[in-house]
Amino acid sequence: MKQTLKWYIVDKEYVKYLRKADNRVQYSEYNDKLKPYIGIIITIHDFDYYVPISSVGNKIKKLEKYSKMKDDIDIIKIYDNNKKLLSVLNLNNMIPVRPENARILKYSEIDNYRQFYNLTDKRKYIYFLQIELAILRKNANIISYKATKLYDEKIKTNSQKFPKEHVILNY
């Protein structure tokens, strides 16, 4: 991996545009919360690829769902030092983005993208992002390798014949 992974904010209008082409593109905004993307995981034909992360948080149903997923070409589970599942990267959800449609998330500007109940919640969220990012950076080569392999597999294989367990967006 040539670049250091960072959190990015992908332009909401661009995400809406992508959803018109493929309705499996994840929304980047949920109520008052904009979802950051991790990138740049790979670059192909002048497009940088980013992937949203799905955090478990304190949600029991999410923990059960993500725990059942197996690590595969398209799934990367993120664990903390105590082997607690924090989040999942589903590489099937990576999207192509030109540089003008993404900007690095600066923690000092996070209030522009999310609303927090109080300063403590804001600090906890930033701390959690920092923990996830540190773990993702340690796994950057694996993420890049799997993303490239998944992309190549999709390109080489007819969409109808692409294995259902590896359904990726059509880009």
N, C-alpha and C. Protein backbone atom coordinates (compact mmCIF):
# COMPACT_ATOMS: atom_id res chain seq x y z
N MET A 1 0.86 -1.17 0.00
CA MET A 1 0.00 0.00 0.00
C MET A 1 0.90 1.23 0.00
N LYS A 2 0.67 2.11 -0.93
CA LYS A 2 1.51 3.29 -1.09
C LYS A 2 1.11 4.43 -0.18
N GLN A 3 -0.18 4.59 0.06
CA GLN A 3 -0.65 5.70 0.86
C GLN A 3 -1.08 5.22 2.25
N THR A 4 -1.01 6.13 3.19
CA THR A 4 -1.49 5.83 4.53
C THR A 4 -3.01 5.94 4.55
N LEU A 5 -3.67 4.96 5.13
CA LEU A 5 -5.12 5.01 5.24
C LEU A 5 -5.54 6.18 6.11
N LYS A 6 -6.64 6.79 5.72
CA LYS A 6 -7.22 7.92 6.46
C LYS A 6 -8.74 7.81 6.39
N TRP A 7 -9.39 8.56 7.26
CA TRP A 7 -10.85 8.70 7.19
C TRP A 7 -11.15 9.81 6.19
N TYR A 8 -12.16 9.56 5.37
CA TYR A 8 -12.59 10.54 4.37
C TYR A 8 -14.09 10.77 4.47
N ILE A 9 -14.48 11.95 4.06
CA ILE A 9 -15.89 12.26 3.88
C ILE A 9 -16.11 12.31 2.37
N VAL A 10 -17.00 11.46 1.89
CA VAL A 10 -17.32 11.43 0.46
C VAL A 10 -18.55 12.31 0.27
N ASP A 11 -18.50 13.15 -0.75
CA ASP A 11 -19.58 14.09 -1.05
C ASP A 11 -20.93 13.37 -1.11
N LYS A 12 -21.92 13.88 -0.36
CA LYS A 12 -23.24 13.25 -0.30
C LYS A 12 -23.91 13.17 -1.66
N GLU A 13 -23.77 14.22 -2.44
CA GLU A 13 -24.39 14.24 -3.77
C GLU A 13 -23.76 13.20 -4.68
N TYR A 14 -22.47 13.00 -4.54
CA TYR A 14 -21.79 11.98 -5.34
C TYR A 14 -22.28 10.59 -4.96
N VAL A 15 -22.48 10.33 -3.67
CA VAL A 15 -22.99 9.04 -3.21
C VAL A 15 -24.40 8.83 -3.76
N LYS A 16 -25.22 9.87 -3.76
CA LYS A 16 -26.57 9.76 -4.34
C LYS A 16 -26.49 9.42 -5.83
N TYR A 17 -25.55 10.05 -6.52
CA TYR A 17 -25.33 9.77 -7.94
C TYR A 17 -24.97 8.29 -8.15
N LEU A 18 -24.08 7.77 -7.31
CA LEU A 18 -23.70 6.36 -7.42
C LEU A 18 -24.88 5.43 -7.13
N ARG A 19 -25.72 5.83 -6.18
CA ARG A 19 -26.90 5.01 -5.84
C ARG A 19 -27.85 4.90 -7.02
N LYS A 20 -27.87 5.90 -7.89
CA LYS A 20 -28.72 5.82 -9.08
C LYS A 20 -28.22 4.72 -10.02
N ALA A 21 -26.91 4.52 -10.06
CA ALA A 21 -26.33 3.48 -10.91
C ALA A 21 -26.43 2.11 -10.25
N ASP A 22 -26.35 2.07 -8.92
CA ASP A 22 -26.40 0.80 -8.19
C ASP A 22 -26.99 1.07 -6.81
N ASN A 23 -28.22 0.62 -6.59
CA ASN A 23 -28.91 0.94 -5.33
C ASN A 23 -28.33 0.22 -4.12
N ARG A 24 -27.28 -0.59 -4.31
CA ARG A 24 -26.61 -1.23 -3.17
C ARG A 24 -25.55 -0.34 -2.55
N VAL A 25 -25.28 0.81 -3.17
CA VAL A 25 -24.33 1.76 -2.58
C VAL A 25 -24.92 2.20 -1.24
N GLN A 26 -24.13 2.10 -0.21
CA GLN A 26 -24.62 2.47 1.12
C GLN A 26 -24.80 3.98 1.24
N TYR A 27 -25.85 4.35 1.94
CA TYR A 27 -26.05 5.77 2.22
C TYR A 27 -24.88 6.28 3.04
N SER A 28 -24.51 7.51 2.81
CA SER A 28 -23.41 8.09 3.58
C SER A 28 -23.93 8.94 4.73
N GLU A 29 -25.23 9.08 4.81
CA GLU A 29 -25.81 9.93 5.85
C GLU A 29 -26.99 9.21 6.49
N TYR A 30 -26.97 9.16 7.81
CA TYR A 30 -28.04 8.56 8.58
C TYR A 30 -28.50 9.58 9.61
N ASN A 31 -29.69 10.12 9.39
CA ASN A 31 -30.24 11.16 10.26
C ASN A 31 -29.26 12.33 10.34
N ASP A 32 -28.70 12.55 11.50
CA ASP A 32 -27.79 13.68 11.69
C ASP A 32 -26.32 13.24 11.68
N LYS A 33 -26.06 12.07 11.10
CA LYS A 33 -24.71 11.51 11.15
C LYS A 33 -24.22 11.15 9.76
N LEU A 34 -23.11 11.74 9.38
CA LEU A 34 -22.47 11.41 8.12
C LEU A 34 -21.46 10.30 8.37
N LYS A 35 -21.51 9.27 7.57
CA LYS A 35 -20.65 8.10 7.74
C LYS A 35 -19.32 8.33 7.02
N PRO A 36 -18.21 8.21 7.75
CA PRO A 36 -16.91 8.35 7.08
C PRO A 36 -16.54 7.08 6.33
N TYR A 37 -15.69 7.23 5.34
CA TYR A 37 -15.16 6.12 4.55
C TYR A 37 -13.67 5.98 4.86
N ILE A 38 -13.16 4.75 4.73
CA ILE A 38 -11.73 4.55 4.87
C ILE A 38 -11.13 4.51 3.46
N GLY A 39 -10.01 5.16 3.29
CA GLY A 39 -9.39 5.19 1.96
C GLY A 39 -7.96 5.66 2.10
N ILE A 40 -7.33 5.65 1.12
CA ILE A 40 -7.61 5.14 -0.21
C ILE A 40 -7.15 3.69 -0.20
N ILE A 41 -8.07 2.73 -0.48
CA ILE A 41 -7.67 1.33 -0.37
C ILE A 41 -6.99 0.82 -1.63
N ILE A 42 -7.44 1.28 -2.79
CA ILE A 42 -6.77 0.98 -4.06
C ILE A 42 -7.05 2.13 -5.03
N THR A 43 -6.23 2.24 -6.07
CA THR A 43 -6.46 3.22 -7.13
C THR A 43 -6.41 2.47 -8.46
N ILE A 44 -7.49 2.64 -9.24
CA ILE A 44 -7.59 1.98 -10.53
C ILE A 44 -8.18 2.96 -11.54
N HIS A 45 -7.49 3.16 -12.65
CA HIS A 45 -7.98 4.03 -13.74
C HIS A 45 -8.42 5.40 -13.24
N ASP A 46 -7.57 6.10 -12.55
CA ASP A 46 -7.84 7.45 -12.05
C ASP A 46 -8.93 7.54 -10.99
N PHE A 47 -9.37 6.42 -10.48
CA PHE A 47 -10.35 6.42 -9.40
C PHE A 47 -9.69 5.84 -8.15
N ASP A 48 -9.88 6.53 -7.04
CA ASP A 48 -9.49 6.01 -5.74
C ASP A 48 -10.70 5.27 -5.19
N TYR A 49 -10.46 4.17 -4.52
CA TYR A 49 -11.56 3.39 -3.96
C TYR A 49 -11.57 3.54 -2.43
N TYR A 50 -12.77 3.75 -1.93
CA TYR A 50 -13.02 3.94 -0.50
C TYR A 50 -14.07 2.93 -0.07
N VAL A 51 -14.07 2.61 1.20
CA VAL A 51 -15.06 1.66 1.70
C VAL A 51 -15.62 2.19 3.04
N PRO A 52 -16.95 2.11 3.20
CA PRO A 52 -17.52 2.48 4.50
C PRO A 52 -17.24 1.36 5.50
N ILE A 53 -17.22 1.71 6.75
CA ILE A 53 -16.99 0.71 7.79
C ILE A 53 -18.28 0.56 8.59
N SER A 54 -18.56 -0.64 9.02
CA SER A 54 -19.74 -0.90 9.84
C SER A 54 -19.28 -1.21 11.24
N SER A 55 -19.54 -0.29 12.14
CA SER A 55 -19.12 -0.45 13.53
C SER A 55 -20.17 -1.20 14.32
N VAL A 56 -19.71 -2.06 15.22
CA VAL A 56 -20.60 -2.84 16.05
C VAL A 56 -21.20 -1.97 17.14
N GLY A 57 -20.37 -1.16 17.78
CA GLY A 57 -20.86 -0.35 18.90
C GLY A 57 -21.35 -1.25 20.02
N ASN A 58 -22.44 -0.84 20.64
CA ASN A 58 -23.02 -1.63 21.74
C ASN A 58 -24.28 -2.36 21.29
N LYS A 59 -24.40 -2.60 20.00
CA LYS A 59 -25.61 -3.22 19.46
C LYS A 59 -25.44 -4.73 19.40
N ILE A 60 -26.24 -5.43 20.17
CA ILE A 60 -26.16 -6.89 20.28
C ILE A 60 -26.46 -7.56 18.94
N LYS A 61 -27.50 -7.10 18.22
CA LYS A 61 -27.86 -7.73 16.95
C LYS A 61 -26.74 -7.59 15.93
N LYS A 62 -26.09 -6.42 15.89
CA LYS A 62 -24.97 -6.24 14.97
C LYS A 62 -23.83 -7.16 15.34
N LEU A 63 -23.55 -7.28 16.63
CA LEU A 63 -22.47 -8.15 17.09
C LEU A 63 -22.74 -9.59 16.66
N GLU A 64 -23.97 -10.05 16.84
CA GLU A 64 -24.32 -11.42 16.45
C GLU A 64 -24.19 -11.59 14.94
N LYS A 65 -24.68 -10.63 14.17
CA LYS A 65 -24.61 -10.70 12.71
C LYS A 65 -23.17 -10.71 12.22
N TYR A 66 -22.37 -9.78 12.69
CA TYR A 66 -20.99 -9.67 12.23
C TYR A 66 -20.12 -10.82 12.72
N SER A 67 -20.44 -11.35 13.90
CA SER A 67 -19.67 -12.48 14.43
C SER A 67 -19.84 -13.72 13.55
N LYS A 68 -21.01 -13.86 12.95
CA LYS A 68 -21.29 -15.02 12.10
C LYS A 68 -20.60 -14.90 10.74
N MET A 69 -20.26 -13.69 10.31
CA MET A 69 -19.59 -13.52 9.02
C MET A 69 -18.20 -14.13 9.10
N LYS A 70 -17.79 -14.77 8.02
CA LYS A 70 -16.43 -15.31 8.03
C LYS A 70 -15.51 -14.36 7.27
N ASP A 71 -14.28 -14.27 7.75
CA ASP A 71 -13.28 -13.49 7.03
C ASP A 71 -13.09 -14.15 5.68
N ASP A 72 -13.18 -13.36 4.64
CA ASP A 72 -13.08 -13.88 3.29
C ASP A 72 -12.46 -12.79 2.42
N ILE A 73 -12.48 -12.99 1.13
CA ILE A 73 -11.91 -12.00 0.21
C ILE A 73 -12.60 -10.64 0.36
N ASP A 74 -13.89 -10.66 0.72
CA ASP A 74 -14.66 -9.43 0.77
C ASP A 74 -14.93 -8.91 2.18
N ILE A 75 -14.61 -9.67 3.20
CA ILE A 75 -14.92 -9.29 4.59
C ILE A 75 -13.62 -9.22 5.40
N ILE A 76 -13.46 -8.11 6.10
CA ILE A 76 -12.33 -7.97 7.02
C ILE A 76 -12.90 -7.52 8.37
N LYS A 77 -12.71 -8.35 9.37
CA LYS A 77 -13.18 -8.01 10.71
C LYS A 77 -12.08 -7.25 11.44
N ILE A 78 -12.49 -6.27 12.21
CA ILE A 78 -11.57 -5.43 12.96
C ILE A 78 -11.77 -5.71 14.45
N TYR A 79 -10.70 -6.20 15.09
CA TYR A 79 -10.74 -6.53 16.52
C TYR A 79 -9.81 -5.62 17.30
N ASP A 80 -10.16 -5.35 18.55
CA ASP A 80 -9.25 -4.58 19.40
C ASP A 80 -8.22 -5.54 20.00
N ASN A 81 -7.35 -5.02 20.85
CA ASN A 81 -6.29 -5.83 21.45
C ASN A 81 -6.82 -6.95 22.35
N ASN A 82 -8.06 -6.80 22.82
CA ASN A 82 -8.68 -7.81 23.67
C ASN A 82 -9.52 -8.80 22.87
N LYS A 83 -9.37 -8.80 21.55
CA LYS A 83 -10.11 -9.69 20.63
C LYS A 83 -11.61 -9.41 20.61
N LYS A 84 -11.99 -8.18 20.95
CA LYS A 84 -13.39 -7.77 20.88
C LYS A 84 -13.64 -7.24 19.46
N LEU A 85 -14.71 -7.74 18.83
CA LEU A 85 -15.06 -7.30 17.49
C LEU A 85 -15.55 -5.86 17.54
N LEU A 86 -14.85 -4.98 16.82
CA LEU A 86 -15.22 -3.56 16.79
C LEU A 86 -16.06 -3.21 15.57
N SER A 87 -15.64 -3.73 14.41
CA SER A 87 -16.29 -3.35 13.18
C SER A 87 -15.94 -4.31 12.06
N VAL A 88 -16.59 -4.08 10.92
CA VAL A 88 -16.38 -4.92 9.76
C VAL A 88 -16.23 -4.04 8.53
N LEU A 89 -15.23 -4.37 7.72
CA LEU A 89 -15.09 -3.76 6.40
C LEU A 89 -15.65 -4.75 5.40
N ASN A 90 -16.69 -4.35 4.69
CA ASN A 90 -17.26 -5.19 3.65
C ASN A 90 -16.78 -4.61 2.32
N LEU A 91 -15.74 -5.19 1.77
CA LEU A 91 -15.12 -4.66 0.56
C LEU A 91 -16.07 -4.66 -0.64
N ASN A 92 -17.15 -5.42 -0.55
CA ASN A 92 -18.16 -5.38 -1.60
C ASN A 92 -18.74 -3.98 -1.74
N ASN A 93 -18.64 -3.20 -0.70
CA ASN A 93 -19.23 -1.86 -0.69
C ASN A 93 -18.24 -0.76 -1.06
N MET A 94 -17.05 -1.14 -1.56
CA MET A 94 -16.10 -0.09 -1.95
C MET A 94 -16.65 0.66 -3.16
N ILE A 95 -16.36 1.95 -3.18
CA ILE A 95 -16.86 2.78 -4.27
C ILE A 95 -15.71 3.56 -4.90
N PRO A 96 -15.81 3.81 -6.22
CA PRO A 96 -14.80 4.62 -6.89
C PRO A 96 -15.09 6.09 -6.69
N VAL A 97 -14.06 6.86 -6.35
CA VAL A 97 -14.25 8.28 -6.07
C VAL A 97 -13.09 9.07 -6.67
N ARG A 98 -13.41 10.12 -7.37
CA ARG A 98 -12.37 11.02 -7.85
C ARG A 98 -11.98 11.95 -6.70
N PRO A 99 -10.75 12.45 -6.70
CA PRO A 99 -10.28 13.29 -5.58
C PRO A 99 -11.18 14.48 -5.25
N GLU A 100 -11.82 15.06 -6.23
CA GLU A 100 -12.67 16.24 -5.96
C GLU A 100 -13.96 15.88 -5.22
N ASN A 101 -14.27 14.58 -5.08
CA ASN A 101 -15.49 14.17 -4.39
C ASN A 101 -15.24 13.62 -3.00
N ALA A 102 -14.01 13.76 -2.51
CA ALA A 102 -13.68 13.28 -1.16
C ALA A 102 -12.72 14.25 -0.49
N ARG A 103 -12.85 14.34 0.82
CA ARG A 103 -11.93 15.17 1.59
C ARG A 103 -11.58 14.44 2.89
N ILE A 104 -10.37 14.66 3.33
CA ILE A 104 -9.91 14.02 4.56
C ILE A 104 -10.73 14.54 5.74
N LEU A 105 -11.15 13.63 6.59
CA LEU A 105 -11.87 14.01 7.80
C LEU A 105 -10.89 14.55 8.82
N LYS A 106 -11.10 15.78 9.21
CA LYS A 106 -10.30 16.38 10.28
C LYS A 106 -11.14 16.33 11.55
N TYR A 107 -10.57 15.75 12.60
CA TYR A 107 -11.32 15.61 13.84
C TYR A 107 -11.80 16.96 14.37
N SER A 108 -11.04 18.01 14.12
CA SER A 108 -11.42 19.34 14.60
C SER A 108 -12.67 19.87 13.89
N GLU A 109 -13.03 19.24 12.75
CA GLU A 109 -14.20 19.69 11.98
C GLU A 109 -15.33 18.67 12.03
N ILE A 110 -15.25 17.73 12.92
CA ILE A 110 -16.22 16.63 12.94
C ILE A 110 -17.65 17.11 13.21
N ASP A 111 -17.78 18.24 13.90
CA ASP A 111 -19.11 18.79 14.16
C ASP A 111 -19.83 19.19 12.87
N ASN A 112 -19.10 19.38 11.79
CA ASN A 112 -19.71 19.71 10.50
C ASN A 112 -20.42 18.50 9.89
N TYR A 113 -20.11 17.30 10.39
CA TYR A 113 -20.63 16.08 9.78
C TYR A 113 -21.53 15.26 10.68
N ARG A 114 -21.44 15.49 11.97
CA ARG A 114 -22.25 14.74 12.93
C ARG A 114 -22.67 15.65 14.07
N GLN A 115 -23.80 15.32 14.65
CA GLN A 115 -24.23 16.02 15.85
C GLN A 115 -24.00 15.10 17.03
N PHE A 116 -23.57 15.69 18.12
CA PHE A 116 -23.30 14.93 19.34
C PHE A 116 -24.15 15.48 20.47
N TYR A 117 -24.51 14.60 21.39
CA TYR A 117 -25.32 15.02 22.53
C TYR A 117 -24.52 15.92 23.46
N ASN A 118 -23.23 15.62 23.57
CA ASN A 118 -22.38 16.42 24.46
C ASN A 118 -20.92 16.21 24.06
N LEU A 119 -20.05 16.91 24.72
CA LEU A 119 -18.62 16.84 24.41
C LEU A 119 -18.04 15.46 24.71
N THR A 120 -18.54 14.79 25.73
CA THR A 120 -18.06 13.45 26.07
C THR A 120 -18.35 12.47 24.94
N ASP A 121 -19.57 12.52 24.37
CA ASP A 121 -19.91 11.65 23.24
C ASP A 121 -19.02 11.95 22.04
N LYS A 122 -18.75 13.19 21.80
CA LYS A 122 -17.87 13.58 20.68
C LYS A 122 -16.47 13.01 20.89
N ARG A 123 -15.94 13.16 22.08
CA ARG A 123 -14.60 12.66 22.38
C ARG A 123 -14.54 11.14 22.24
N LYS A 124 -15.57 10.44 22.72
CA LYS A 124 -15.61 8.98 22.61
C LYS A 124 -15.63 8.55 21.15
N TYR A 125 -16.40 9.25 20.34
CA TYR A 125 -16.49 8.91 18.92
C TYR A 125 -15.14 9.12 18.22
N ILE A 126 -14.51 10.23 18.48
CA ILE A 126 -13.20 10.50 17.88
C ILE A 126 -12.18 9.47 18.34
N TYR A 127 -12.19 9.14 19.60
CA TYR A 127 -11.28 8.13 20.14
C TYR A 127 -11.51 6.78 19.45
N PHE A 128 -12.78 6.42 19.26
CA PHE A 128 -13.11 5.16 18.59
C PHE A 128 -12.61 5.18 17.14
N LEU A 129 -12.79 6.29 16.43
CA LEU A 129 -12.27 6.42 15.07
C LEU A 129 -10.75 6.25 15.04
N GLN A 130 -10.08 6.82 16.02
CA GLN A 130 -8.62 6.72 16.09
C GLN A 130 -8.18 5.28 16.32
N ILE A 131 -8.89 4.55 17.18
CA ILE A 131 -8.57 3.15 17.44
C ILE A 131 -8.78 2.33 16.16
N GLU A 132 -9.93 2.50 15.53
CA GLU A 132 -10.21 1.78 14.29
C GLU A 132 -9.15 2.08 13.24
N LEU A 133 -8.81 3.35 13.09
CA LEU A 133 -7.83 3.75 12.08
C LEU A 133 -6.47 3.12 12.34
N ALA A 134 -6.04 3.09 13.58
CA ALA A 134 -4.75 2.48 13.91
C ALA A 134 -4.75 0.99 13.53
N ILE A 135 -5.83 0.30 13.81
CA ILE A 135 -5.93 -1.12 13.47
C ILE A 135 -5.99 -1.30 11.95
N LEU A 136 -6.75 -0.46 11.28
CA LEU A 136 -6.84 -0.53 9.81
C LEU A 136 -5.48 -0.30 9.17
N ARG A 137 -4.73 0.65 9.69
CA ARG A 137 -3.41 0.94 9.14
C ARG A 137 -2.46 -0.26 9.30
N LYS A 138 -2.58 -0.96 10.41
CA LYS A 138 -1.75 -2.15 10.61
C LYS A 138 -2.09 -3.24 9.58
N ASN A 139 -3.33 -3.21 9.09
CA ASN A 139 -3.80 -4.20 8.15
C ASN A 139 -3.92 -3.65 6.73
N ALA A 140 -3.27 -2.54 6.46
CA ALA A 140 -3.41 -1.86 5.17
C ALA A 140 -3.05 -2.74 3.98
N ASN A 141 -1.98 -3.50 4.10
CA ASN A 141 -1.57 -4.36 2.99
C ASN A 141 -2.59 -5.45 2.71
N ILE A 142 -3.16 -6.01 3.74
CA ILE A 142 -4.20 -7.04 3.58
C ILE A 142 -5.43 -6.44 2.94
N ILE A 143 -5.82 -5.25 3.40
CA ILE A 143 -7.00 -4.57 2.84
C ILE A 143 -6.79 -4.30 1.36
N SER A 144 -5.64 -3.76 1.02
CA SER A 144 -5.34 -3.45 -0.37
C SER A 144 -5.30 -4.72 -1.23
N TYR A 145 -4.65 -5.76 -0.72
CA TYR A 145 -4.56 -7.02 -1.45
C TYR A 145 -5.96 -7.59 -1.72
N LYS A 146 -6.79 -7.67 -0.67
CA LYS A 146 -8.13 -8.24 -0.83
C LYS A 146 -8.99 -7.38 -1.77
N ALA A 147 -8.89 -6.07 -1.64
CA ALA A 147 -9.67 -5.17 -2.51
C ALA A 147 -9.27 -5.34 -3.97
N THR A 148 -7.98 -5.43 -4.22
CA THR A 148 -7.50 -5.62 -5.59
C THR A 148 -7.94 -6.97 -6.14
N LYS A 149 -7.80 -8.00 -5.33
CA LYS A 149 -8.19 -9.34 -5.76
C LYS A 149 -9.70 -9.40 -6.05
N LEU A 150 -10.49 -8.79 -5.18
CA LEU A 150 -11.94 -8.77 -5.37
C LEU A 150 -12.30 -8.00 -6.65
N TYR A 151 -11.68 -6.86 -6.84
CA TYR A 151 -11.92 -6.06 -8.03
C TYR A 151 -11.55 -6.85 -9.28
N ASP A 152 -10.37 -7.46 -9.30
CA ASP A 152 -9.92 -8.23 -10.46
C ASP A 152 -10.85 -9.41 -10.74
N GLU A 153 -11.27 -10.08 -9.68
CA GLU A 153 -12.18 -11.22 -9.83
C GLU A 153 -13.50 -10.78 -10.46
N LYS A 154 -13.99 -9.65 -10.01
CA LYS A 154 -15.26 -9.12 -10.55
C LYS A 154 -15.10 -8.75 -12.02
N ILE A 155 -14.00 -8.10 -12.38
CA ILE A 155 -13.78 -7.68 -13.77
C ILE A 155 -13.62 -8.88 -14.70
N LYS A 156 -12.90 -9.91 -14.23
CA LYS A 156 -12.63 -11.08 -15.06
C LYS A 156 -13.83 -12.00 -15.22
N THR A 157 -14.79 -11.88 -14.31
CA THR A 157 -15.93 -12.79 -14.28
C THR A 157 -17.18 -12.08 -14.74
N ASN A 158 -17.96 -12.74 -15.54
CA ASN A 158 -19.25 -12.21 -15.95
C ASN A 158 -20.09 -11.95 -14.69
N SER A 159 -20.75 -10.80 -14.62
CA SER A 159 -21.53 -10.43 -13.43
C SER A 159 -22.52 -11.50 -13.02
N GLN A 160 -23.17 -12.15 -14.00
CA GLN A 160 -24.17 -13.17 -13.66
C GLN A 160 -23.51 -14.42 -13.06
N LYS A 161 -22.27 -14.65 -13.39
CA LYS A 161 -21.58 -15.84 -12.90
C LYS A 161 -20.73 -15.56 -11.67
N PHE A 162 -20.69 -14.31 -11.24
CA PHE A 162 -19.88 -13.94 -10.09
C PHE A 162 -20.47 -14.61 -8.85
N PRO A 163 -19.65 -15.25 -8.03
CA PRO A 163 -20.18 -15.97 -6.86
C PRO A 163 -21.05 -15.07 -5.97
N LYS A 164 -22.23 -15.58 -5.60
CA LYS A 164 -23.18 -14.78 -4.82
C LYS A 164 -22.59 -14.31 -3.50
N GLU A 165 -21.68 -15.11 -2.94
CA GLU A 165 -21.11 -14.70 -1.65
C GLU A 165 -20.15 -13.52 -1.80
N HIS A 166 -19.81 -13.19 -3.04
CA HIS A 166 -18.90 -12.06 -3.29
C HIS A 166 -19.56 -11.02 -4.19
N VAL A 167 -20.81 -10.70 -3.92
CA VAL A 167 -21.51 -9.72 -4.73
C VAL A 167 -20.92 -8.34 -4.45
N ILE A 168 -20.41 -7.68 -5.48
CA ILE A 168 -19.87 -6.34 -5.28
C ILE A 168 -20.60 -5.37 -6.19
N LEU A 169 -20.45 -4.11 -5.87
CA LEU A 169 -21.12 -3.07 -6.63
C LEU A 169 -20.61 -3.08 -8.07
N ASN A 170 -21.44 -2.61 -8.97
CA ASN A 170 -21.13 -2.65 -10.39
C ASN A 170 -20.38 -1.41 -10.85
N TYR A 171 -19.06 -1.42 -10.70
CA TYR A 171 -18.23 -0.31 -11.17
C TYR A 171 -17.05 -0.85 -11.91
